[in-house]
Structures are given as C-alpha cells and as structure tokens.
Amino acid sequence: MRQIKLYLMGHTSSDDYWGSKIPRLINYGLHKRLTVRSIKLFADGALGSWGAALIAPYNDKPDTRGLLLSPPETLQKLAERFYEDGFQVVRI
C-alpha cells in the first residue's frame, strides 16, 4: 500500500489577516504525512467565465475586463503578512 502525503492550504474569504486561526503543521501525525503551511488568496475570477481580471477587454466579450475579488493593496498586505509568518502564499 502506498503512503500518501497531504500538503494542504488554508483559505477564508476575508480581507483581514487570519493566519493565527489555522495551525501550521509540518510532517504532522503518526506517519508524518500531513503538512499545512500555505494559504490561498483569490485575486480574481476564472478565465472561462470572463471573470479573470485583464488589462484589456476580452476578445470575445469586449464589454468586460473581468473583476478583482479583493483590492490589490489588500492582497499585497495579506501576502506580506503571511510570508512574514512563514506561510507560502498561493494567489489564485
């Protein structure tokens, strides 16, 4: 039987820092297969639904450039704080 390792990310829909609310675990558990040390920050929507934020309008939907889910300043502030606290930041 194969031993599967899990590398999990935390996420919440908040513009406030929430790193203290999730445990940072490295090689946790009896078999040391669980790691939680990264977080997801959602910056914009999905490309296929015209929600991804673009500089120029979409070719197939020229009335939109997508949307930002959080202001860039907020994403910057959160990314810096999580990095300072030892988390890997994944921006989606």
C-alpha atoms as a PDB file:
ATOM      1  CA  MET A   1       0.000   0.000   0.000  1.00  0.00           C
ATOM      2  CA  ARG A   2       1.284   3.471  -0.926  1.00  0.00           C
ATOM      3  CA  GLN A   3       1.719   6.137   1.686  1.00  0.00           C
ATOM      4  CA  ILE A   4       0.076   9.375   0.547  1.00  0.00           C
ATOM      5  CA  LYS A   5       1.382  12.697   1.820  1.00  0.00           C
ATOM      6  CA  LEU A   6      -1.053  15.591   2.133  1.00  0.00           C
ATOM      7  CA  TYR A   7       0.014  19.191   1.578  1.00  0.00           C
ATOM      8  CA  LEU A   8      -2.989  21.351   2.455  1.00  0.00           C
ATOM      9  CA  MET A   9      -3.711  25.069   2.121  1.00  0.00           C
ATOM     10  CA  GLY A  10      -5.873  27.267   4.293  1.00  0.00           C
ATOM     11  CA  HIS A  11      -8.398  29.745   2.894  1.00  0.00           C
ATOM     12  CA  THR A  12     -11.125  32.069   4.062  1.00  0.00           C
ATOM     13  CA  SER A  13     -12.983  34.889   2.306  1.00  0.00           C
ATOM     14  CA  SER A  14     -11.695  37.698   4.479  1.00  0.00           C
ATOM     15  CA  ASP A  15      -9.693  40.832   3.817  1.00  0.00           C
ATOM     16  CA  ASP A  16      -8.337  40.634   7.387  1.00  0.00           C
ATOM     17  CA  TYR A  17      -5.307  38.584   8.419  1.00  0.00           C
ATOM     18  CA  TRP A  18      -6.401  35.124   9.597  1.00  0.00           C
ATOM     19  CA  GLY A  19      -3.108  33.223   9.817  1.00  0.00           C
ATOM     20  CA  SER A  20      -3.429  32.776  13.571  1.00  0.00           C
ATOM     21  CA  LYS A  21      -6.668  30.818  13.048  1.00  0.00           C
ATOM     22  CA  ILE A  22      -5.122  27.880  11.183  1.00  0.00           C
ATOM     23  CA  PRO A  23      -2.453  25.535  12.512  1.00  0.00           C
ATOM     24  CA  ARG A  24       0.866  25.379  10.712  1.00  0.00           C
ATOM     25  CA  LEU A  25       1.755  21.702  10.650  1.00  0.00           C
ATOM     26  CA  ILE A  26       4.873  20.182   9.103  1.00  0.00           C
ATOM     27  CA  ASN A  27       5.154  16.395   8.791  1.00  0.00           C
ATOM     28  CA  TYR A  28       2.363  16.020  11.331  1.00  0.00           C
ATOM     29  CA  GLY A  29       0.761  12.839  12.610  1.00  0.00           C
ATOM     30  CA  LEU A  30       1.798   9.311  13.415  1.00  0.00           C
ATOM     31  CA  HIS A  31       3.233   8.723   9.940  1.00  0.00           C
ATOM     32  CA  LYS A  32       4.329  12.345   9.397  1.00  0.00           C
ATOM     33  CA  ARG A  33       2.302  12.726   6.211  1.00  0.00           C
ATOM     34  CA  LEU A  34       0.346  15.949   6.828  1.00  0.00           C
ATOM     35  CA  THR A  35       1.658  19.445   6.129  1.00  0.00           C
ATOM     36  CA  VAL A  36      -0.330  22.697   6.399  1.00  0.00           C
ATOM     37  CA  ARG A  37       1.871  25.713   5.765  1.00  0.00           C
ATOM     38  CA  SER A  38       0.389  27.542   2.808  1.00  0.00           C
ATOM     39  CA  ILE A  39      -2.657  29.679   2.170  1.00  0.00           C
ATOM     40  CA  LYS A  40      -4.754  30.615  -0.863  1.00  0.00           C
ATOM     41  CA  LEU A  41      -5.619  34.179  -1.756  1.00  0.00           C
ATOM     42  CA  PHE A  42      -8.171  34.581  -4.546  1.00  0.00           C
ATOM     43  CA  ALA A  43      -7.304  37.628  -6.634  1.00  0.00           C
ATOM     44  CA  ASP A  44      -9.825  37.426  -9.463  1.00  0.00           C
ATOM     45  CA  GLY A  45     -12.379  35.231 -11.176  1.00  0.00           C
ATOM     46  CA  ALA A  46     -11.962  32.423 -13.698  1.00  0.00           C
ATOM     47  CA  LEU A  47     -10.824  32.920 -17.279  1.00  0.00           C
ATOM     48  CA  GLY A  48     -13.552  30.753 -18.856  1.00  0.00           C
ATOM     49  CA  SER A  49     -16.377  32.776 -17.301  1.00  0.00           C
ATOM     50  CA  TRP A  50     -14.820  36.156 -18.212  1.00  0.00           C
ATOM     51  CA  GLY A  51     -14.120  36.812 -14.551  1.00  0.00           C
ATOM     52  CA  ALA A  52     -10.299  36.833 -14.665  1.00  0.00           C
ATOM     53  CA  ALA A  53      -9.057  40.416 -14.384  1.00  0.00           C
ATOM     54  CA  LEU A  54      -7.347  41.532 -17.603  1.00  0.00           C
ATOM     55  CA  ILE A  55      -5.664  44.780 -18.640  1.00  0.00           C
ATOM     56  CA  ALA A  56      -7.527  44.842 -21.972  1.00  0.00           C
ATOM     57  CA  PRO A  57     -11.124  43.719 -22.665  1.00  0.00           C
ATOM     58  CA  TYR A  58     -11.816  40.102 -23.623  1.00  0.00           C
ATOM     59  CA  ASN A  59     -11.750  39.493 -27.399  1.00  0.00           C
ATOM     60  CA  ASP A  60     -14.981  37.516 -27.258  1.00  0.00           C
ATOM     61  CA  LYS A  61     -16.690  39.819 -24.727  1.00  0.00           C
ATOM     62  CA  PRO A  62     -15.392  43.364 -25.274  1.00  0.00           C
ATOM     63  CA  ASP A  63     -17.680  44.875 -22.645  1.00  0.00           C
ATOM     64  CA  THR A  64     -15.700  43.327 -19.762  1.00  0.00           C
ATOM     65  CA  ARG A  65     -12.181  43.127 -18.393  1.00  0.00           C
ATOM     66  CA  GLY A  66     -13.092  40.696 -15.595  1.00  0.00           C
ATOM     67  CA  LEU A  67     -13.177  41.507 -11.907  1.00  0.00           C
ATOM     68  CA  LEU A  68     -10.900  41.719  -8.907  1.00  0.00           C
ATOM     69  CA  LEU A  69     -12.202  39.929  -5.821  1.00  0.00           C
ATOM     70  CA  SER A  70     -10.008  41.966  -3.462  1.00  0.00           C
ATOM     71  CA  PRO A  71      -8.235  45.294  -3.912  1.00  0.00           C
ATOM     72  CA  PRO A  72      -4.552  44.919  -4.916  1.00  0.00           C
ATOM     73  CA  GLU A  73      -3.471  46.757  -1.744  1.00  0.00           C
ATOM     74  CA  THR A  74      -5.303  44.201   0.407  1.00  0.00           C
ATOM     75  CA  LEU A  75      -3.736  41.263  -1.432  1.00  0.00           C
ATOM     76  CA  GLN A  76      -0.282  42.837  -1.049  1.00  0.00           C
ATOM     77  CA  LYS A  77      -0.793  43.448   2.669  1.00  0.00           C
ATOM     78  CA  LEU A  78      -2.033  39.893   3.287  1.00  0.00           C
ATOM     79  CA  ALA A  79       0.704  38.273   1.186  1.00  0.00           C
ATOM     80  CA  GLU A  80       3.419  40.160   3.063  1.00  0.00           C
ATOM     81  CA  ARG A  81       1.969  39.309   6.477  1.00  0.00           C
ATOM     82  CA  PHE A  82       1.553  35.613   5.676  1.00  0.00           C
ATOM     83  CA  TYR A  83       5.091  35.490   4.259  1.00  0.00           C
ATOM     84  CA  GLU A  84       6.496  37.142   7.406  1.00  0.00           C
ATOM     85  CA  ASP A  85       4.727  34.481   9.494  1.00  0.00           C
ATOM     86  CA  GLY A  86       6.268  31.632   7.468  1.00  0.00           C
ATOM     87  CA  PHE A  87       3.364  30.700   5.202  1.00  0.00           C
ATOM     88  CA  GLN A  88       3.675  30.027   1.489  1.00  0.00           C
ATOM     89  CA  VAL A  89       1.217  32.256  -0.388  1.00  0.00           C
ATOM     90  CA  VAL A  90      -0.669  30.867  -3.375  1.00  0.00           C
ATOM     91  CA  ARG A  91      -2.542  33.537  -5.303  1.00  0.00           C
ATOM     92  CA  ILE A  92      -5.322  32.262  -7.495  1.00  0.00           C
END
